[in-house]
Every structure is written in structure tokens, then in C-alpha cells.
Amino acid sequence: MQLTLYYAPIACSLVSYITLTEAGAAFEVRPLNFARREHLSPEFLKINPRHRVPVLLIDDRPLLETLAIQLWVARQFPAARLLPEDPMQQLQALSRMAWCASGIHPCLTPNALPERYCDLPGSEESVRRCARKLLLENYQIADDLLANRSWFFDHFTAVDAYFFWCFRRGQQFGVDVGAFQHCLAHFNRMSERASVRQLLSYEAQVLEQFRRSA
């Protein structure tokens, strides 16, 4: 089986990178430079007309969306224990990843691209402010879930990888996360995992390559 991950630095595709690494999967990475609009190239649009990452090619068959990729990796590599064993807990894990995708992620994008969400001149800051309010509400929910525990479930799962990106991205936008001590502790634990260290090293290499080619 041949696996190819289409990835962009900093973007949510790092979640798939971490999960594949945790699973011990052999995979090739194809970085896309969004600044050069490589995600809008005819070649990539044939693979994903939604022009987003991640995309996981599984023997040349594309699988789109982070949640679907997380579930596929967990099922394909059960020994990695990327989902809880209990069936109800598995559903809870899928619920929390869906929350990352549809609840938290939409509160992040307006910080970088507020113009996507308004067409009234001068309203960009209002869009950012409203998005951050909702983002902080979600972080508080996550903080409560992580109280007195290391991971969202009894051991590391794909949920932890997804939330790591959600929390990291907020910090990159300058969101004050000081009140969320359990989230911060989780972020620090994630940062020490070998898969995350590998990802961060790879991300730095790709960003440097993009800088040199600019």
C-alpha cells in the first residue's frame, strides 16, 4: 500500500502527519506552497477540487478531510490505539474530532482571512473579535475536559493530535490562552511526543525551502 500525504506547513494537515507517524505508517509527503497558490494548480484540483489540505492518497485514491483520514489511519493501524477500545468511547472520540473540525476550526480561519466572512468595508476587526469570542468558549470547554487528565481519553488518541493543532493555531494568531492551564499542559505534553517533534522539524525544513525559493 502506497500512502502520499498532501500537506501545507502550519495548516491542519499537520494533524494527519502526526497521526500517520504515531501509527508507524510509511508515507510520502508532498508539501504545497499556498503562497504560490499550488493548491489551485490544475494538477492538485484534479485530486481535490475543494483545493484544501490534507489529502491522503491511498494507492492513488484520494481521501479528503482530516476526520476521515484520522478514522482511516486508526482502523488501518489498530495496534497504534489511535481510538479508544470501548465502542461508546470511540463514538465520543469521533464526536470530539468532529467538534475540532466544525466547532473550533471555523473560529480560527477568520483570524487570518476575515474577508471571507464579510463584504462590508472596515468590518474585518469585528469578524476577528466575534471569532475569538467563540474560540475562547471552545477552549474553555476543552480545558474543562482536560482537567486532571493527561489526554482526552485514558491514553493518547487521534483526538489529542487534532486538538493540538486547534490550540497551536490560536496561539499563532496571538490569542491569549493563559487562562487555559489544562490546555497548555496538554499542548506541552504533545510538544514532547516524538511524532510532534518530527513534524515540527519537518515543518521548519519545508518553510525554509519555501523561503529560499521565494
N, C-alpha and C. Protein backbone atom coordinates (compact mmCIF):
# COMPACT_ATOMS: atom_id res chain seq x y z
N MET A 1 0.84 -1.19 0.00
CA MET A 1 0.00 0.00 0.00
C MET A 1 0.88 1.25 0.00
N GLN A 2 0.59 2.16 -0.91
CA GLN A 2 1.36 3.39 -1.03
C GLN A 2 0.54 4.56 -0.51
N LEU A 3 1.12 5.32 0.42
CA LEU A 3 0.44 6.46 1.03
C LEU A 3 1.19 7.74 0.70
N THR A 4 0.44 8.74 0.26
CA THR A 4 1.01 10.06 -0.04
C THR A 4 0.14 11.12 0.61
N LEU A 5 0.76 11.94 1.44
CA LEU A 5 0.04 12.99 2.14
C LEU A 5 0.35 14.34 1.51
N TYR A 6 -0.68 15.01 1.03
CA TYR A 6 -0.55 16.40 0.59
C TYR A 6 -0.70 17.29 1.81
N TYR A 7 0.28 18.16 1.99
CA TYR A 7 0.47 18.85 3.27
C TYR A 7 0.88 20.30 3.00
N ALA A 8 0.48 21.20 3.89
CA ALA A 8 0.98 22.58 3.85
C ALA A 8 1.43 22.94 5.26
N PRO A 9 2.59 23.59 5.41
CA PRO A 9 3.07 23.94 6.74
C PRO A 9 2.04 24.77 7.50
N ILE A 10 1.97 24.53 8.80
CA ILE A 10 1.13 25.26 9.74
C ILE A 10 -0.35 24.87 9.62
N ALA A 11 -0.79 24.47 8.44
CA ALA A 11 -2.19 24.13 8.23
C ALA A 11 -2.57 22.85 8.97
N CYS A 12 -3.87 22.54 8.98
CA CYS A 12 -4.37 21.39 9.74
C CYS A 12 -3.89 20.06 9.18
N SER A 13 -3.23 20.06 8.05
CA SER A 13 -2.67 18.81 7.53
C SER A 13 -1.60 18.23 8.45
N LEU A 14 -1.08 19.05 9.36
CA LEU A 14 -0.09 18.52 10.30
C LEU A 14 -0.73 17.46 11.21
N VAL A 15 -2.06 17.53 11.39
CA VAL A 15 -2.75 16.52 12.20
C VAL A 15 -2.57 15.15 11.57
N SER A 16 -2.78 15.07 10.27
CA SER A 16 -2.63 13.79 9.57
C SER A 16 -1.18 13.30 9.63
N TYR A 17 -0.25 14.23 9.51
CA TYR A 17 1.17 13.87 9.59
C TYR A 17 1.47 13.23 10.95
N ILE A 18 1.00 13.86 12.02
CA ILE A 18 1.25 13.34 13.36
C ILE A 18 0.63 11.96 13.53
N THR A 19 -0.60 11.81 13.07
CA THR A 19 -1.31 10.55 13.27
C THR A 19 -0.66 9.41 12.47
N LEU A 20 -0.30 9.70 11.24
CA LEU A 20 0.39 8.69 10.44
C LEU A 20 1.72 8.29 11.07
N THR A 21 2.42 9.26 11.63
CA THR A 21 3.69 8.98 12.30
C THR A 21 3.48 8.15 13.54
N GLU A 22 2.46 8.50 14.33
CA GLU A 22 2.13 7.72 15.53
C GLU A 22 1.80 6.27 15.16
N ALA A 23 1.17 6.09 14.01
CA ALA A 23 0.78 4.74 13.58
C ALA A 23 1.96 3.93 13.05
N GLY A 24 3.09 4.59 12.81
CA GLY A 24 4.22 3.89 12.23
C GLY A 24 4.05 3.62 10.75
N ALA A 25 3.19 4.41 10.09
CA ALA A 25 2.93 4.21 8.67
C ALA A 25 4.07 4.75 7.82
N ALA A 26 4.34 4.08 6.72
CA ALA A 26 5.29 4.58 5.74
C ALA A 26 4.52 5.45 4.76
N PHE A 27 4.89 6.74 4.67
CA PHE A 27 4.16 7.63 3.78
C PHE A 27 5.08 8.70 3.21
N GLU A 28 4.74 9.11 2.01
CA GLU A 28 5.45 10.20 1.34
C GLU A 28 4.67 11.49 1.59
N VAL A 29 5.41 12.60 1.71
CA VAL A 29 4.77 13.90 1.91
C VAL A 29 5.03 14.78 0.70
N ARG A 30 3.98 15.42 0.21
CA ARG A 30 4.11 16.38 -0.88
C ARG A 30 3.66 17.75 -0.37
N PRO A 31 4.63 18.61 -0.02
CA PRO A 31 4.26 19.91 0.52
C PRO A 31 3.72 20.83 -0.58
N LEU A 32 2.70 21.59 -0.24
CA LEU A 32 2.14 22.59 -1.15
C LEU A 32 2.43 23.98 -0.60
N ASN A 33 2.89 24.85 -1.49
CA ASN A 33 3.17 26.23 -1.12
C ASN A 33 1.93 27.07 -1.44
N PHE A 34 1.16 27.40 -0.42
CA PHE A 34 -0.07 28.16 -0.63
C PHE A 34 0.24 29.57 -1.13
N ALA A 35 1.38 30.13 -0.71
CA ALA A 35 1.74 31.48 -1.15
C ALA A 35 1.91 31.52 -2.67
N ARG A 36 2.31 30.39 -3.23
CA ARG A 36 2.43 30.29 -4.69
C ARG A 36 1.18 29.69 -5.33
N ARG A 37 0.16 29.53 -4.52
CA ARG A 37 -1.15 29.05 -4.99
C ARG A 37 -1.06 27.66 -5.63
N GLU A 38 -0.16 26.85 -5.09
CA GLU A 38 -0.02 25.50 -5.64
C GLU A 38 -1.27 24.65 -5.37
N HIS A 39 -2.04 25.02 -4.36
CA HIS A 39 -3.28 24.29 -4.08
C HIS A 39 -4.37 24.57 -5.12
N LEU A 40 -4.12 25.57 -5.98
CA LEU A 40 -5.07 25.91 -7.03
C LEU A 40 -4.58 25.46 -8.41
N SER A 41 -3.51 24.71 -8.43
CA SER A 41 -2.97 24.22 -9.70
C SER A 41 -3.92 23.20 -10.30
N PRO A 42 -3.98 23.10 -11.62
CA PRO A 42 -4.84 22.10 -12.25
C PRO A 42 -4.54 20.68 -11.77
N GLU A 43 -3.26 20.40 -11.52
CA GLU A 43 -2.88 19.05 -11.09
C GLU A 43 -3.50 18.72 -9.73
N PHE A 44 -3.43 19.68 -8.79
CA PHE A 44 -3.98 19.40 -7.47
C PHE A 44 -5.50 19.43 -7.48
N LEU A 45 -6.10 20.30 -8.27
CA LEU A 45 -7.56 20.37 -8.32
C LEU A 45 -8.16 19.08 -8.87
N LYS A 46 -7.41 18.34 -9.68
CA LYS A 46 -7.89 17.04 -10.14
C LYS A 46 -8.00 16.06 -8.96
N ILE A 47 -7.10 16.22 -8.00
CA ILE A 47 -7.09 15.36 -6.83
C ILE A 47 -8.12 15.83 -5.80
N ASN A 48 -8.16 17.13 -5.59
CA ASN A 48 -9.09 17.70 -4.61
C ASN A 48 -9.67 19.01 -5.14
N PRO A 49 -10.84 18.98 -5.73
CA PRO A 49 -11.45 20.21 -6.24
C PRO A 49 -11.80 21.21 -5.15
N ARG A 50 -11.76 20.75 -3.88
CA ARG A 50 -12.00 21.68 -2.77
C ARG A 50 -10.77 22.54 -2.47
N HIS A 51 -9.68 22.24 -3.16
CA HIS A 51 -8.39 22.96 -3.07
C HIS A 51 -7.92 23.19 -1.63
N ARG A 52 -7.99 22.14 -0.83
CA ARG A 52 -7.52 22.22 0.55
C ARG A 52 -6.67 21.00 0.89
N VAL A 53 -5.92 21.14 1.97
CA VAL A 53 -5.20 20.01 2.56
C VAL A 53 -5.84 19.75 3.92
N PRO A 54 -5.70 18.51 4.40
CA PRO A 54 -4.93 17.41 3.86
C PRO A 54 -5.69 16.60 2.81
N VAL A 55 -4.89 15.91 2.00
CA VAL A 55 -5.38 14.84 1.15
C VAL A 55 -4.45 13.67 1.36
N LEU A 56 -5.01 12.51 1.60
CA LEU A 56 -4.21 11.29 1.70
C LEU A 56 -4.52 10.42 0.50
N LEU A 57 -3.50 10.22 -0.34
CA LEU A 57 -3.65 9.29 -1.46
C LEU A 57 -3.35 7.88 -0.95
N ILE A 58 -4.31 7.00 -1.10
CA ILE A 58 -4.15 5.61 -0.70
C ILE A 58 -4.14 4.78 -1.98
N ASP A 59 -2.95 4.39 -2.40
CA ASP A 59 -2.80 3.72 -3.70
C ASP A 59 -3.49 4.54 -4.79
N ASP A 60 -3.20 5.85 -4.78
CA ASP A 60 -3.69 6.81 -5.79
C ASP A 60 -5.18 7.14 -5.66
N ARG A 61 -5.83 6.66 -4.62
CA ARG A 61 -7.23 7.03 -4.38
C ARG A 61 -7.26 8.09 -3.29
N PRO A 62 -7.79 9.29 -3.57
CA PRO A 62 -7.73 10.37 -2.58
C PRO A 62 -8.78 10.23 -1.49
N LEU A 63 -8.33 10.44 -0.26
CA LEU A 63 -9.22 10.54 0.89
C LEU A 63 -9.11 11.96 1.42
N LEU A 64 -10.25 12.65 1.50
CA LEU A 64 -10.28 14.06 1.89
C LEU A 64 -10.82 14.22 3.31
N GLU A 65 -10.45 15.34 3.92
CA GLU A 65 -10.93 15.78 5.24
C GLU A 65 -10.20 15.06 6.37
N THR A 66 -9.79 15.87 7.34
CA THR A 66 -8.99 15.37 8.45
C THR A 66 -9.69 14.27 9.23
N LEU A 67 -10.95 14.45 9.54
CA LEU A 67 -11.67 13.46 10.34
C LEU A 67 -11.66 12.10 9.65
N ALA A 68 -11.93 12.08 8.35
CA ALA A 68 -11.95 10.81 7.61
C ALA A 68 -10.56 10.17 7.60
N ILE A 69 -9.54 10.98 7.45
CA ILE A 69 -8.17 10.46 7.44
C ILE A 69 -7.81 9.89 8.81
N GLN A 70 -8.18 10.62 9.86
CA GLN A 70 -7.93 10.13 11.22
C GLN A 70 -8.57 8.77 11.45
N LEU A 71 -9.81 8.65 11.01
CA LEU A 71 -10.53 7.39 11.21
C LEU A 71 -9.90 6.27 10.39
N TRP A 72 -9.52 6.57 9.15
CA TRP A 72 -8.90 5.55 8.31
C TRP A 72 -7.59 5.05 8.92
N VAL A 73 -6.76 5.98 9.38
CA VAL A 73 -5.47 5.58 9.97
C VAL A 73 -5.71 4.74 11.22
N ALA A 74 -6.66 5.14 12.05
CA ALA A 74 -6.94 4.40 13.27
C ALA A 74 -7.40 2.97 12.95
N ARG A 75 -8.22 2.82 11.93
CA ARG A 75 -8.72 1.49 11.57
C ARG A 75 -7.63 0.65 10.90
N GLN A 76 -6.79 1.29 10.10
CA GLN A 76 -5.78 0.57 9.35
C GLN A 76 -4.63 0.11 10.24
N PHE A 77 -4.39 0.87 11.32
CA PHE A 77 -3.27 0.57 12.22
C PHE A 77 -3.79 0.44 13.66
N PRO A 78 -4.56 -0.59 13.94
CA PRO A 78 -5.20 -0.72 15.26
C PRO A 78 -4.20 -0.83 16.40
N ALA A 79 -3.02 -1.35 16.14
CA ALA A 79 -2.03 -1.51 17.21
C ALA A 79 -1.59 -0.17 17.78
N ALA A 80 -1.75 0.90 17.03
CA ALA A 80 -1.36 2.23 17.50
C ALA A 80 -2.34 2.79 18.52
N ARG A 81 -3.52 2.19 18.64
CA ARG A 81 -4.54 2.60 19.62
C ARG A 81 -4.89 4.08 19.47
N LEU A 82 -5.17 4.48 18.26
CA LEU A 82 -5.49 5.88 17.99
C LEU A 82 -6.93 6.24 18.31
N LEU A 83 -7.73 5.23 18.64
CA LEU A 83 -9.07 5.43 19.15
C LEU A 83 -9.24 4.58 20.41
N PRO A 84 -10.11 4.97 21.32
CA PRO A 84 -10.38 4.12 22.47
C PRO A 84 -10.95 2.77 22.03
N GLU A 85 -10.80 1.76 22.85
CA GLU A 85 -11.29 0.42 22.50
C GLU A 85 -12.80 0.30 22.71
N ASP A 86 -13.32 0.94 23.73
CA ASP A 86 -14.75 0.85 24.03
C ASP A 86 -15.57 1.50 22.91
N PRO A 87 -16.60 0.84 22.38
CA PRO A 87 -17.37 1.38 21.26
C PRO A 87 -17.98 2.76 21.55
N MET A 88 -18.54 2.97 22.74
CA MET A 88 -19.11 4.27 23.04
C MET A 88 -18.03 5.33 23.15
N GLN A 89 -16.89 4.96 23.71
CA GLN A 89 -15.78 5.90 23.78
C GLN A 89 -15.25 6.23 22.38
N GLN A 90 -15.29 5.26 21.48
CA GLN A 90 -14.89 5.54 20.10
C GLN A 90 -15.81 6.60 19.49
N LEU A 91 -17.09 6.47 19.73
CA LEU A 91 -18.04 7.46 19.21
C LEU A 91 -17.78 8.83 19.84
N GLN A 92 -17.45 8.84 21.12
CA GLN A 92 -17.12 10.11 21.77
C GLN A 92 -15.88 10.73 21.14
N ALA A 93 -14.91 9.87 20.79
CA ALA A 93 -13.70 10.38 20.14
C ALA A 93 -14.02 10.99 18.78
N LEU A 94 -14.87 10.32 18.00
CA LEU A 94 -15.28 10.87 16.71
C LEU A 94 -16.04 12.17 16.90
N SER A 95 -16.87 12.23 17.94
CA SER A 95 -17.60 13.45 18.23
C SER A 95 -16.65 14.61 18.52
N ARG A 96 -15.61 14.34 19.27
CA ARG A 96 -14.67 15.42 19.62
C ARG A 96 -13.83 15.84 18.43
N MET A 97 -13.51 14.90 17.55
CA MET A 97 -12.79 15.31 16.34
C MET A 97 -13.71 16.09 15.40
N ALA A 98 -14.97 15.71 15.34
CA ALA A 98 -15.93 16.49 14.55
C ALA A 98 -16.07 17.90 15.13
N TRP A 99 -16.03 18.00 16.44
CA TRP A 99 -16.06 19.31 17.11
C TRP A 99 -14.83 20.14 16.72
N CYS A 100 -13.66 19.51 16.68
CA CYS A 100 -12.46 20.24 16.23
C CYS A 100 -12.66 20.76 14.80
N ALA A 101 -13.26 19.91 13.95
CA ALA A 101 -13.41 20.26 12.53
C ALA A 101 -14.48 21.32 12.31
N SER A 102 -15.63 21.17 12.97
CA SER A 102 -16.77 22.04 12.66
C SER A 102 -17.06 23.07 13.73
N GLY A 103 -16.47 22.90 14.93
CA GLY A 103 -16.71 23.84 16.00
C GLY A 103 -15.55 24.79 16.25
N ILE A 104 -14.33 24.25 16.30
CA ILE A 104 -13.16 25.07 16.62
C ILE A 104 -12.52 25.65 15.36
N HIS A 105 -12.29 24.82 14.36
CA HIS A 105 -11.62 25.27 13.14
C HIS A 105 -12.29 26.50 12.52
N PRO A 106 -13.62 26.55 12.40
CA PRO A 106 -14.25 27.73 11.81
C PRO A 106 -14.04 29.01 12.62
N CYS A 107 -13.67 28.88 13.90
CA CYS A 107 -13.37 30.07 14.70
C CYS A 107 -11.93 30.53 14.52
N LEU A 108 -11.11 29.71 13.88
CA LEU A 108 -9.71 30.04 13.65
C LEU A 108 -9.50 30.78 12.34
N THR A 109 -10.11 30.28 11.28
CA THR A 109 -9.88 30.84 9.94
C THR A 109 -10.17 32.34 9.85
N PRO A 110 -11.23 32.86 10.47
CA PRO A 110 -11.49 34.31 10.36
C PRO A 110 -10.38 35.19 10.91
N ASN A 111 -9.53 34.64 11.77
CA ASN A 111 -8.42 35.43 12.28
C ASN A 111 -7.41 35.75 11.18
N ALA A 112 -7.26 34.83 10.23
CA ALA A 112 -6.31 35.03 9.13
C ALA A 112 -6.99 35.62 7.91
N LEU A 113 -8.23 35.22 7.66
CA LEU A 113 -8.92 35.61 6.43
C LEU A 113 -10.32 36.15 6.74
N PRO A 114 -10.42 37.25 7.48
CA PRO A 114 -11.75 37.77 7.84
C PRO A 114 -12.56 38.19 6.63
N GLU A 115 -11.87 38.53 5.53
CA GLU A 115 -12.59 38.99 4.34
C GLU A 115 -13.45 37.89 3.72
N ARG A 116 -13.18 36.64 4.07
CA ARG A 116 -14.03 35.56 3.59
C ARG A 116 -15.42 35.60 4.22
N TYR A 117 -15.52 36.27 5.35
CA TYR A 117 -16.74 36.23 6.15
C TYR A 117 -17.47 37.57 6.20
N CYS A 118 -17.03 38.54 5.43
CA CYS A 118 -17.71 39.83 5.40
C CYS A 118 -17.38 40.53 4.10
N ASP A 119 -18.29 41.39 3.67
CA ASP A 119 -18.02 42.20 2.48
C ASP A 119 -18.26 43.68 2.76
N LEU A 120 -18.39 44.02 4.03
CA LEU A 120 -18.60 45.41 4.43
C LEU A 120 -17.25 46.03 4.76
N PRO A 121 -16.83 47.06 4.06
CA PRO A 121 -15.52 47.67 4.32
C PRO A 121 -15.36 48.06 5.79
N GLY A 122 -14.22 47.72 6.35
CA GLY A 122 -13.92 48.08 7.73
C GLY A 122 -14.47 47.14 8.77
N SER A 123 -15.09 46.05 8.35
CA SER A 123 -15.71 45.14 9.31
C SER A 123 -14.80 43.97 9.69
N GLU A 124 -13.60 43.95 9.15
CA GLU A 124 -12.72 42.79 9.38
C GLU A 124 -12.41 42.58 10.87
N GLU A 125 -12.13 43.67 11.59
CA GLU A 125 -11.79 43.52 13.00
C GLU A 125 -12.97 43.00 13.82
N SER A 126 -14.16 43.40 13.44
CA SER A 126 -15.34 42.88 14.12
C SER A 126 -15.48 41.38 13.91
N VAL A 127 -15.19 40.92 12.69
CA VAL A 127 -15.24 39.49 12.40
C VAL A 127 -14.22 38.75 13.26
N ARG A 128 -13.01 39.29 13.34
CA ARG A 128 -11.98 38.65 14.17
C ARG A 128 -12.43 38.60 15.64
N ARG A 129 -12.98 39.69 16.13
CA ARG A 129 -13.38 39.76 17.53
C ARG A 129 -14.46 38.73 17.85
N CYS A 130 -15.43 38.61 16.98
CA CYS A 130 -16.50 37.63 17.20
C CYS A 130 -15.97 36.21 17.13
N ALA A 131 -15.06 35.96 16.18
CA ALA A 131 -14.48 34.62 16.05
C ALA A 131 -13.68 34.25 17.29
N ARG A 132 -12.93 35.21 17.82
CA ARG A 132 -12.12 34.92 19.01
C ARG A 132 -13.00 34.65 20.23
N LYS A 133 -14.11 35.35 20.33
CA LYS A 133 -15.03 35.10 21.43
C LYS A 133 -15.51 33.64 21.40
N LEU A 134 -15.91 33.18 20.22
CA LEU A 134 -16.34 31.79 20.09
C LEU A 134 -15.19 30.82 20.31
N LEU A 135 -14.00 31.19 19.84
CA LEU A 135 -12.83 30.33 20.02
C LEU A 135 -12.53 30.14 21.50
N LEU A 136 -12.56 31.22 22.26
CA LEU A 136 -12.27 31.14 23.69
C LEU A 136 -13.31 30.29 24.42
N GLU A 137 -14.55 30.34 23.98
CA GLU A 137 -15.58 29.48 24.57
C GLU A 137 -15.24 28.02 24.34
N ASN A 138 -14.78 27.70 23.14
CA ASN A 138 -14.40 26.32 22.84
C ASN A 138 -13.17 25.88 23.62
N TYR A 139 -12.20 26.77 23.75
CA TYR A 139 -11.02 26.44 24.54
C TYR A 139 -11.40 26.17 26.00
N GLN A 140 -12.37 26.91 26.52
CA GLN A 140 -12.80 26.67 27.90
C GLN A 140 -13.43 25.29 28.04
N ILE A 141 -14.22 24.89 27.06
CA ILE A 141 -14.81 23.54 27.09
C ILE A 141 -13.69 22.50 27.09
N ALA A 142 -12.70 22.68 26.22
CA ALA A 142 -11.58 21.73 26.16
C ALA A 142 -10.81 21.73 27.47
N ASP A 143 -10.63 22.90 28.06
CA ASP A 143 -9.90 23.00 29.32
C ASP A 143 -10.61 22.20 30.41
N ASP A 144 -11.93 22.28 30.44
CA ASP A 144 -12.70 21.51 31.42
C ASP A 144 -12.57 20.00 31.16
N LEU A 145 -12.57 19.62 29.89
CA LEU A 145 -12.45 18.19 29.56
C LEU A 145 -11.09 17.64 29.96
N LEU A 146 -10.06 18.48 29.93
CA LEU A 146 -8.69 18.04 30.21
C LEU A 146 -8.30 18.19 31.67
N ALA A 147 -9.20 18.67 32.49
CA ALA A 147 -8.88 18.86 33.91
C ALA A 147 -8.51 17.52 34.56
N ASN A 148 -7.37 17.51 35.24
CA ASN A 148 -6.91 16.33 35.99
C ASN A 148 -6.67 15.10 35.13
N ARG A 149 -6.35 15.31 33.85
CA ARG A 149 -6.03 14.18 33.00
C ARG A 149 -4.98 14.60 31.97
N SER A 150 -4.25 13.62 31.46
CA SER A 150 -3.18 13.92 30.50
C SER A 150 -3.71 14.04 29.08
N TRP A 151 -4.70 13.20 28.74
CA TRP A 151 -5.22 13.15 27.37
C TRP A 151 -6.75 13.23 27.43
N PHE A 152 -7.38 13.38 26.29
CA PHE A 152 -8.83 13.47 26.27
C PHE A 152 -9.49 12.14 26.69
N PHE A 153 -8.77 11.03 26.48
CA PHE A 153 -9.25 9.73 26.92
C PHE A 153 -8.18 9.11 27.81
N ASP A 154 -8.26 7.82 28.06
CA ASP A 154 -7.34 7.21 29.02
C ASP A 154 -5.92 7.08 28.49
N HIS A 155 -5.74 7.28 27.21
CA HIS A 155 -4.40 7.26 26.60
C HIS A 155 -4.43 8.21 25.40
N PHE A 156 -3.27 8.48 24.85
CA PHE A 156 -3.20 9.33 23.66
C PHE A 156 -4.05 8.75 22.54
N THR A 157 -4.81 9.61 21.87
CA THR A 157 -5.61 9.20 20.71
C THR A 157 -5.51 10.25 19.62
N ALA A 158 -6.16 9.96 18.51
CA ALA A 158 -6.19 10.90 17.39
C ALA A 158 -6.84 12.22 17.77
N VAL A 159 -7.69 12.21 18.79
CA VAL A 159 -8.31 13.45 19.26
C VAL A 159 -7.24 14.42 19.75
N ASP A 160 -6.26 13.92 20.46
CA ASP A 160 -5.21 14.77 21.01
C ASP A 160 -4.41 15.45 19.89
N ALA A 161 -4.16 14.71 18.81
CA ALA A 161 -3.44 15.30 17.68
C ALA A 161 -4.24 16.43 17.05
N TYR A 162 -5.55 16.21 16.91
CA TYR A 162 -6.39 17.23 16.27
C TYR A 162 -6.48 18.48 17.14
N PHE A 163 -6.72 18.29 18.44
CA PHE A 163 -6.83 19.47 19.30
C PHE A 163 -5.50 20.20 19.41
N PHE A 164 -4.39 19.48 19.36
CA PHE A 164 -3.08 20.14 19.39
C PHE A 164 -2.99 21.21 18.31
N TRP A 165 -3.41 20.86 17.09
CA TRP A 165 -3.37 21.86 16.03
C TRP A 165 -4.32 23.01 16.32
N CYS A 166 -5.52 22.72 16.80
CA CYS A 166 -6.50 23.76 17.08
C CYS A 166 -5.96 24.76 18.11
N PHE A 167 -5.28 24.25 19.11
CA PHE A 167 -4.76 25.13 20.16
C PHE A 167 -3.50 25.85 19.69
N ARG A 168 -2.68 25.16 18.96
CA ARG A 168 -1.46 25.79 18.43
C ARG A 168 -1.81 26.94 17.49
N ARG A 169 -2.80 26.72 16.64
CA ARG A 169 -3.15 27.76 15.66
C ARG A 169 -3.65 29.02 16.34
N GLY A 170 -4.43 28.86 17.40
CA GLY A 170 -4.89 30.04 18.13
C GLY A 170 -3.74 30.84 18.70
N GLN A 171 -2.74 30.15 19.23
CA GLN A 171 -1.57 30.85 19.75
C GLN A 171 -0.82 31.58 18.64
N GLN A 172 -0.76 30.98 17.47
CA GLN A 172 -0.08 31.63 16.34
C GLN A 172 -0.79 32.89 15.90
N PHE A 173 -2.09 32.98 16.17
CA PHE A 173 -2.85 34.19 15.86
C PHE A 173 -2.79 35.22 16.98
N GLY A 174 -2.04 34.91 18.03
CA GLY A 174 -1.90 35.86 19.12
C GLY A 174 -3.03 35.83 20.13
N VAL A 175 -3.82 34.76 20.13
CA VAL A 175 -4.90 34.65 21.10
C VAL A 175 -4.30 34.40 22.49
N ASP A 176 -4.80 35.12 23.48
CA ASP A 176 -4.33 34.95 24.86
C ASP A 176 -4.93 33.67 25.43
N VAL A 177 -4.08 32.67 25.62
CA VAL A 177 -4.55 31.36 26.10
C VAL A 177 -4.11 31.10 27.53
N GLY A 178 -3.64 32.14 28.22
CA GLY A 178 -3.10 31.97 29.56
C GLY A 178 -4.07 31.41 30.57
N ALA A 179 -5.37 31.61 30.34
CA ALA A 179 -6.38 31.14 31.29
C ALA A 179 -6.63 29.64 31.19
N PHE A 180 -6.12 29.01 30.14
CA PHE A 180 -6.45 27.61 29.87
C PHE A 180 -5.27 26.71 30.25
N GLN A 181 -5.07 26.58 31.55
CA GLN A 181 -3.89 25.88 32.04
C GLN A 181 -3.88 24.40 31.68
N HIS A 182 -5.04 23.76 31.64
CA HIS A 182 -5.08 22.34 31.27
C HIS A 182 -4.77 22.16 29.78
N CYS A 183 -5.26 23.08 28.96
CA CYS A 183 -4.93 23.04 27.53
C CYS A 183 -3.44 23.28 27.31
N LEU A 184 -2.89 24.20 28.06
CA LEU A 184 -1.46 24.49 27.93
C LEU A 184 -0.63 23.28 28.35
N ALA A 185 -1.03 22.62 29.42
CA ALA A 185 -0.30 21.42 29.85
C ALA A 185 -0.40 20.33 28.79
N HIS A 186 -1.57 20.19 28.19
CA HIS A 186 -1.76 19.22 27.12
C HIS A 186 -0.87 19.58 25.93
N PHE A 187 -0.83 20.85 25.58
CA PHE A 187 0.00 21.32 24.47
C PHE A 187 1.47 20.99 24.73
N ASN A 188 1.92 21.20 25.95
CA ASN A 188 3.32 20.91 26.28
C ASN A 188 3.59 19.41 26.22
N ARG A 189 2.65 18.59 26.68
CA ARG A 189 2.83 17.13 26.58
C ARG A 189 2.91 16.71 25.12
N MET A 190 2.02 17.27 24.30
CA MET A 190 2.04 16.94 22.88
C MET A 190 3.37 17.35 22.24
N SER A 191 3.88 18.50 22.63
CA SER A 191 5.11 19.02 22.03
C SER A 191 6.30 18.12 22.31
N GLU A 192 6.21 17.30 23.35
CA GLU A 192 7.30 16.40 23.71
C GLU A 192 7.20 15.04 23.03
N ARG A 193 6.08 14.75 22.38
CA ARG A 193 5.94 13.45 21.72
C ARG A 193 6.86 13.40 20.51
N ALA A 194 7.41 12.22 20.25
CA ALA A 194 8.35 12.06 19.13
C ALA A 194 7.71 12.42 17.80
N SER A 195 6.44 12.08 17.63
CA SER A 195 5.76 12.38 16.37
C SER A 195 5.65 13.87 16.14
N VAL A 196 5.40 14.62 17.20
CA VAL A 196 5.26 16.07 17.08
C VAL A 196 6.62 16.72 16.85
N ARG A 197 7.63 16.24 17.55
CA ARG A 197 8.98 16.78 17.32
C ARG A 197 9.40 16.53 15.87
N GLN A 198 9.07 15.35 15.34
CA GLN A 198 9.39 15.06 13.94
C GLN A 198 8.64 16.02 13.02
N LEU A 199 7.37 16.23 13.30
CA LEU A 199 6.57 17.14 12.50
C LEU A 199 7.13 18.55 12.52
N LEU A 200 7.48 19.05 13.69
CA LEU A 200 7.99 20.42 13.81
C LEU A 200 9.31 20.59 13.07
N SER A 201 10.16 19.57 13.13
CA SER A 201 11.41 19.61 12.41
C SER A 201 11.15 19.64 10.90
N TYR A 202 10.23 18.78 10.45
CA TYR A 202 9.90 18.75 9.03
C TYR A 202 9.28 20.07 8.59
N GLU A 203 8.39 20.60 9.39
CA GLU A 203 7.75 21.87 9.05
C GLU A 203 8.78 22.99 8.88
N ALA A 204 9.76 23.04 9.77
CA ALA A 204 10.80 24.06 9.68
C ALA A 204 11.60 23.90 8.38
N GLN A 205 11.88 22.66 8.00
CA GLN A 205 12.62 22.43 6.75
C GLN A 205 11.81 22.91 5.54
N VAL A 206 10.53 22.60 5.52
CA VAL A 206 9.69 22.99 4.39
C VAL A 206 9.57 24.50 4.32
N LEU A 207 9.37 25.16 5.45
CA LEU A 207 9.26 26.62 5.46
C LEU A 207 10.54 27.26 4.96
N GLU A 208 11.67 26.68 5.34
CA GLU A 208 12.95 27.22 4.87
C GLU A 208 13.10 27.02 3.36
N GLN A 209 12.69 25.88 2.85
CA GLN A 209 12.72 25.64 1.40
C GLN A 209 11.84 26.65 0.67
N PHE A 210 10.65 26.90 1.21
CA PHE A 210 9.75 27.86 0.58
C PHE A 210 10.36 29.26 0.62
N ARG A 211 11.02 29.60 1.73
CA ARG A 211 11.64 30.93 1.83
C ARG A 211 12.73 31.11 0.80
N ARG A 212 13.53 30.07 0.62
CA ARG A 212 14.65 30.17 -0.32
C ARG A 212 14.16 30.24 -1.77
N SER A 213 13.02 29.65 -2.04
CA SER A 213 12.50 29.63 -3.41
C SER A 213 11.61 30.84 -3.72
N ALA A 214 11.40 31.68 -2.73
CA ALA A 214 10.50 32.84 -2.92
C ALA A 214 11.10 33.86 -3.88
